[in-house]
Protein backbone atom coordinates (compact mmCIF):
# COMPACT_ATOMS: atom_id res chain seq x y z
CA MET A 1 0.00 0.00 0.00
CA ASN A 2 1.33 3.45 -0.94
CA TYR A 3 1.21 6.33 1.50
CA LEU A 4 2.05 9.96 2.08
CA LYS A 5 2.44 11.28 5.62
CA ILE A 6 1.92 15.03 5.39
CA LEU A 7 2.72 17.63 8.04
CA TYR A 8 1.02 20.90 7.12
CA GLN A 9 -0.01 24.29 8.46
CA THR A 10 -3.69 24.76 9.22
CA SER A 11 -3.83 27.58 6.67
CA ASP A 12 -2.78 25.10 3.93
CA TYR A 13 -5.56 22.58 4.63
CA ASP A 14 -7.95 23.59 1.83
CA HIS A 15 -5.19 23.97 -0.76
CA LEU A 16 -3.67 20.61 0.24
CA PHE A 17 -6.89 18.64 -0.06
CA ARG A 18 -7.95 20.36 -3.29
CA PHE A 19 -4.60 19.34 -4.77
CA LEU A 20 -5.00 15.73 -3.57
CA LYS A 21 -8.59 15.46 -4.83
CA HIS A 22 -7.47 16.75 -8.22
CA ALA A 23 -4.47 14.37 -8.32
CA PHE A 24 -6.58 11.29 -7.59
CA GLY A 25 -9.50 12.45 -9.75
CA THR A 26 -12.28 9.89 -10.05
CA ASN A 27 -10.32 7.44 -7.85
CA VAL A 28 -10.50 9.71 -4.80
CA GLY A 29 -13.00 7.32 -3.19
CA GLU A 30 -10.30 4.63 -3.06
CA VAL A 31 -8.00 6.79 -0.91
CA GLN A 32 -7.89 6.41 2.87
CA VAL A 33 -7.24 9.52 4.96
CA GLU A 34 -6.14 9.07 8.56
CA THR A 35 -5.80 12.09 10.83
CA ASP A 36 -2.75 11.61 13.02
CA VAL A 37 -2.81 15.08 14.62
CA GLU A 38 -5.87 17.28 14.08
CA ASP A 39 -5.17 20.17 11.67
CA ALA A 40 -1.47 19.28 11.42
CA LEU A 41 -0.62 15.72 10.32
CA VAL A 42 -2.44 13.28 8.03
CA THR A 43 -1.60 9.97 6.39
CA ILE A 44 -3.00 9.32 2.92
CA LYS A 45 -3.04 5.65 1.77
CA TRP A 46 -3.94 4.04 -1.55
CA ASN A 47 -3.22 1.03 -3.77
CA ASP A 48 -1.54 1.41 -7.17
CA LEU A 49 -3.26 4.62 -8.25
CA LEU A 50 -0.29 7.01 -8.29
CA ASP A 51 3.43 6.76 -7.62
CA PRO A 52 3.96 8.21 -4.12
CA ASN A 53 7.30 9.85 -4.96
CA THR A 54 5.91 11.56 -8.04
CA LEU A 55 2.89 12.76 -6.07
CA ALA A 56 5.13 14.00 -3.21
CA ALA A 57 7.39 15.88 -5.64
CA GLU A 58 4.40 17.54 -7.29
CA LEU A 59 2.83 18.37 -3.94
CA THR A 60 5.98 20.02 -2.57
CA GLN A 61 6.15 22.14 -5.74
CA GLU A 62 2.54 23.23 -5.13
CA LEU A 63 2.88 23.69 -1.35
CA PRO A 64 6.56 24.08 -0.39
CA SER A 65 5.75 24.49 3.32
CA VAL A 66 4.42 20.95 3.78
CA LEU A 67 6.74 18.19 4.99
CA ILE A 68 6.05 14.88 3.25
CA GLU A 69 7.25 11.37 3.95
CA CYS A 70 6.64 8.35 1.69
CA GLN A 71 8.26 5.03 0.90
CA SER A 72 11.38 5.38 -1.17
CA ASN A 73 11.69 4.02 -4.68
CA THR A 74 15.49 4.36 -4.83
CA GLY A 75 16.32 1.09 -3.10
CA ILE A 76 18.85 2.93 -0.91
CA ASP A 77 16.61 4.35 1.82
CA VAL A 78 13.36 3.07 3.27
CA TYR A 79 11.73 6.54 3.26
CA SER A 80 11.85 9.63 1.09
CA ARG A 81 11.11 13.06 2.50
CA TYR A 82 10.14 16.20 0.64
CA PHE A 83 10.13 19.83 1.79
CA ASN A 84 10.50 23.27 0.24
CA LYS A 85 10.37 22.04 -3.39
CA ASN A 86 13.10 19.45 -2.78
CA GLN A 87 13.58 15.82 -1.90
CA LEU A 88 15.58 15.86 1.34
CA TRP A 89 16.78 12.23 1.24
């Protein structure tokens, strides 16, 4: 199962979820959203709809202030993290 763990500012909530709804399009009903910390941290989970690293890279371009963690596709690290329009590691 793919996931994004997203730490965000409360003021970015609407922009964040509009972006995610647009990215998943008609498959948005197949996405699970778990609130880890109210108005601050969510985990988005899905199966085989979108590549998590591509989605994280696009999301950090759209909202540079969010901190995103997902599973890595490099084979070197277990996790990839994105912030301020960049992949951190």
